[in-house]
Amino acid sequence: MPPDAPGPKRYAFLLIPGYSQLGFACALEALSLANLHPSGRVYYTWRLIGETGAPVPAYNGLTSHVDAALPPLDRDETLVVCAGNDAATGSTKAVLNWIRREPRKGMDFGALSSGAYTLALAGLLAGKHVTTHWEYREALTEMLPDVIVDSSLFCVDGRVFTTAGGAASMDMMLDRVRQDYGTDLATWVADQMG
């Protein structure tokens, strides 16, 4: 990377037990592939976060090791809440308090799949245009009547972004790559995923 180029964009993925491994993998793969671009530049870095620091199981039983247990985030990090089956159970008081606190620093934040439900429980989606996994749409509408729940693959409303889950996470991340570094890099990453 040239000395005058800005540093890589930083992500923090919060894994809620029962998270969708497909959605998480699609999001992370887009960032990982960007770093394989022939430019040799590191475009993205990330860390994985869990409530306790112990490995976090996905809904399919596979687990991911995490780097930290609810650490303070930096303002330049982007928080992504990854959830799946039974997001409500994994959205503990400690997790919700942490999620309420960290975005106050001014960072972008969002959710994959039913992670939007966790953001809603934390009170961060009022008045926002969002999407979520189809199984959680009705619950979000009942919980937050002032939220516009859409059926699109992903939504962006200011600093908040949400996906419908699964492979939609790839579409959202490709859009973020495009916004961060332009169409050429996003197209290259999309070609690698095809």
Protein backbone atom coordinates (compact mmCIF):
# COMPACT_ATOMS: atom_id res chain seq x y z
CA MET A 1 0.00 0.00 0.00
CA PRO A 2 1.43 3.43 -0.88
CA PRO A 3 2.44 5.48 2.17
CA ASP A 4 -0.18 8.17 1.44
CA ALA A 5 -3.08 5.68 1.05
CA PRO A 6 -5.60 5.59 3.87
CA GLY A 7 -5.42 2.63 6.21
CA PRO A 8 -7.74 -0.32 5.81
CA LYS A 9 -11.40 -0.13 6.82
CA ARG A 10 -11.98 -1.97 10.08
CA TYR A 11 -14.88 -4.27 10.96
CA ALA A 12 -16.03 -5.86 14.22
CA PHE A 13 -18.38 -8.84 13.81
CA LEU A 14 -20.44 -9.64 16.92
CA LEU A 15 -21.45 -13.30 16.76
CA ILE A 16 -24.71 -14.08 18.57
CA PRO A 17 -25.11 -17.82 19.39
CA GLY A 18 -27.13 -19.49 16.65
CA TYR A 19 -25.88 -17.00 14.03
CA SER A 20 -26.19 -17.80 10.34
CA GLN A 21 -22.87 -19.12 9.14
CA LEU A 22 -23.90 -18.54 5.53
CA GLY A 23 -24.64 -14.86 6.09
CA PHE A 24 -21.47 -14.34 8.10
CA ALA A 25 -19.31 -16.23 5.58
CA CYS A 26 -20.71 -14.25 2.63
CA ALA A 27 -19.98 -10.95 4.38
CA LEU A 28 -16.49 -11.92 5.47
CA GLU A 29 -15.64 -13.46 2.10
CA ALA A 30 -16.27 -10.15 0.33
CA LEU A 31 -13.80 -8.38 2.64
CA SER A 32 -11.28 -11.23 2.40
CA LEU A 33 -11.39 -11.28 -1.39
CA ALA A 34 -10.87 -7.51 -1.57
CA ASN A 35 -7.57 -8.08 0.23
CA LEU A 36 -6.53 -10.54 -2.51
CA HIS A 37 -6.78 -7.87 -5.21
CA PRO A 38 -3.66 -7.74 -7.41
CA SER A 39 -2.89 -4.25 -6.05
CA GLY A 40 -1.48 -6.00 -2.97
CA ARG A 41 -3.26 -3.52 -0.75
CA VAL A 42 -4.97 -4.51 2.51
CA TYR A 43 -8.41 -2.92 2.15
CA TYR A 44 -10.05 -4.44 5.23
CA THR A 45 -9.24 -5.83 8.65
CA TRP A 46 -11.69 -7.38 11.10
CA ARG A 47 -12.09 -9.00 14.44
CA LEU A 48 -14.67 -11.40 15.81
CA ILE A 49 -16.44 -10.66 19.07
CA GLY A 50 -18.54 -12.80 21.39
CA GLU A 51 -20.24 -12.12 24.68
CA THR A 52 -17.87 -14.20 26.80
CA GLY A 53 -14.81 -14.70 24.61
CA ALA A 54 -15.60 -18.42 24.25
CA PRO A 55 -16.16 -19.94 20.79
CA VAL A 56 -19.63 -19.10 19.47
CA PRO A 57 -21.80 -21.80 17.84
CA ALA A 58 -23.62 -21.11 14.60
CA TYR A 59 -27.09 -22.59 14.18
CA ASN A 60 -25.56 -25.49 12.22
CA GLY A 61 -23.38 -26.51 15.18
CA LEU A 62 -20.06 -25.26 13.83
CA THR A 63 -18.28 -22.81 16.10
CA SER A 64 -16.10 -19.77 15.50
CA HIS A 65 -13.35 -18.65 17.82
CA VAL A 66 -13.53 -14.98 18.71
CA ASP A 67 -10.84 -12.38 19.34
CA ALA A 68 -12.47 -10.60 22.27
CA ALA A 69 -15.40 -10.47 24.70
CA LEU A 70 -17.40 -7.25 24.18
CA PRO A 71 -14.37 -4.93 23.97
CA PRO A 72 -14.51 -1.19 23.48
CA LEU A 73 -14.64 -0.41 19.76
CA ASP A 74 -12.90 2.42 17.98
CA ARG A 75 -14.93 5.07 16.20
CA ASP A 76 -13.49 4.01 12.85
CA GLU A 77 -14.66 0.40 13.20
CA THR A 78 -17.91 -0.81 11.65
CA LEU A 79 -20.01 -3.02 13.92
CA VAL A 80 -21.88 -5.94 12.34
CA VAL A 81 -24.28 -7.99 14.48
CA CYS A 82 -24.53 -11.56 13.16
CA ALA A 83 -27.51 -13.58 14.36
CA GLY A 84 -29.71 -16.40 13.15
CA ASN A 85 -31.92 -18.82 15.03
CA ASP A 86 -33.30 -17.52 18.31
CA ALA A 87 -31.70 -14.08 18.23
CA ALA A 88 -33.77 -13.07 21.26
CA THR A 89 -32.08 -15.61 23.57
CA GLY A 90 -28.59 -14.54 22.49
CA SER A 91 -29.46 -10.88 22.92
CA THR A 92 -28.60 -10.84 26.62
CA LYS A 93 -28.56 -7.79 28.86
CA ALA A 94 -24.76 -7.57 28.58
CA VAL A 95 -24.88 -7.79 24.78
CA LEU A 96 -27.67 -5.20 24.48
CA ASN A 97 -25.93 -2.76 26.83
CA TRP A 98 -22.71 -3.10 24.83
CA ILE A 99 -24.56 -2.60 21.54
CA ARG A 100 -26.30 0.50 22.91
CA ARG A 101 -22.99 1.99 24.04
CA GLU A 102 -20.63 1.38 21.13
CA PRO A 103 -22.51 3.03 18.20
CA ARG A 104 -22.72 6.25 20.22
CA LYS A 105 -19.11 6.76 19.13
CA GLY A 106 -20.40 7.61 15.66
CA MET A 107 -19.53 4.40 13.80
CA ASP A 108 -21.52 2.70 11.07
CA PHE A 109 -23.36 -0.34 12.40
CA GLY A 110 -25.68 -2.98 11.09
CA ALA A 111 -26.90 -6.52 11.15
CA LEU A 112 -26.96 -9.69 9.15
CA SER A 113 -30.17 -11.72 9.07
CA SER A 114 -32.02 -11.62 12.41
CA GLY A 115 -29.31 -9.42 13.92
CA ALA A 116 -31.75 -6.61 13.11
CA TYR A 117 -33.93 -8.03 15.89
CA THR A 118 -31.00 -7.63 18.31
CA LEU A 119 -30.49 -4.02 17.17
CA ALA A 120 -34.21 -3.43 17.67
CA LEU A 121 -34.09 -4.87 21.21
CA ALA A 122 -31.21 -2.46 21.88
CA GLY A 123 -33.42 0.43 20.74
CA LEU A 124 -31.28 1.39 17.75
CA LEU A 125 -33.76 1.01 14.89
CA ALA A 126 -36.59 3.37 15.83
CA GLY A 127 -37.55 5.41 12.77
CA LYS A 128 -35.18 3.47 10.49
CA HIS A 129 -35.77 1.72 7.19
CA VAL A 130 -34.56 -1.89 7.69
CA THR A 131 -34.80 -5.43 6.43
CA THR A 132 -34.34 -8.73 8.21
CA HIS A 133 -34.83 -12.43 7.75
CA TRP A 134 -38.43 -13.10 6.77
CA GLU A 135 -39.10 -15.01 10.03
CA TYR A 136 -38.40 -11.85 12.07
CA ARG A 137 -40.27 -9.28 9.96
CA GLU A 138 -43.55 -9.59 11.84
CA ALA A 139 -41.83 -9.46 15.24
CA LEU A 140 -39.95 -6.30 14.25
CA THR A 141 -43.12 -4.68 12.95
CA GLU A 142 -44.94 -5.46 16.22
CA MET A 143 -42.01 -4.35 18.39
CA LEU A 144 -41.34 -1.13 16.51
CA PRO A 145 -44.34 0.20 14.61
CA ASP A 146 -42.32 3.25 13.52
CA VAL A 147 -39.70 1.12 11.75
CA ILE A 148 -40.17 0.63 8.02
CA VAL A 149 -39.54 -3.08 7.54
CA ASP A 150 -38.74 -3.79 3.90
CA SER A 151 -38.51 -7.06 2.00
CA SER A 152 -35.39 -6.06 0.01
CA LEU A 153 -32.09 -7.96 0.16
CA PHE A 154 -30.45 -5.16 2.15
CA CYS A 155 -31.23 -1.67 3.36
CA VAL A 156 -29.06 1.30 4.24
CA ASP A 157 -30.46 4.15 6.32
CA GLY A 158 -27.77 6.61 7.29
CA ARG A 159 -25.18 4.82 9.43
CA VAL A 160 -27.43 1.74 9.79
CA PHE A 161 -27.38 -1.20 7.36
CA THR A 162 -29.33 -4.46 7.51
CA THR A 163 -29.64 -7.60 5.38
CA ALA A 164 -32.29 -10.26 4.87
CA GLY A 165 -29.68 -12.90 5.65
CA GLY A 166 -27.93 -15.67 3.77
CA ALA A 167 -26.32 -14.67 0.49
CA ALA A 168 -27.86 -11.18 0.77
CA SER A 169 -24.92 -10.40 3.08
CA MET A 170 -22.64 -10.69 0.06
CA ASP A 171 -24.70 -8.15 -1.88
CA MET A 172 -24.61 -5.71 1.01
CA MET A 173 -20.86 -6.06 1.50
CA LEU A 174 -20.21 -5.63 -2.22
CA ASP A 175 -22.17 -2.39 -1.99
CA ARG A 176 -20.02 -1.30 0.97
CA VAL A 177 -16.84 -2.18 -0.97
CA ARG A 178 -18.13 -0.06 -3.84
CA GLN A 179 -18.81 2.87 -1.52
CA ASP A 180 -15.44 2.50 0.22
CA TYR A 181 -13.16 1.98 -2.77
CA GLY A 182 -15.15 2.32 -5.99
CA THR A 183 -16.86 0.21 -8.62
CA ASP A 184 -13.69 -1.37 -10.03
CA LEU A 185 -12.75 -3.11 -6.77
CA ALA A 186 -16.36 -4.13 -6.05
CA THR A 187 -16.68 -5.61 -9.55
CA TRP A 188 -13.38 -7.48 -9.16
CA VAL A 189 -14.56 -8.95 -5.83
CA ALA A 190 -17.94 -9.91 -7.33
CA ASP A 191 -16.16 -11.66 -10.20
CA GLN A 192 -14.07 -13.66 -7.72
CA MET A 193 -17.23 -14.73 -5.89
CA GLY A 194 -18.87 -15.90 -9.12
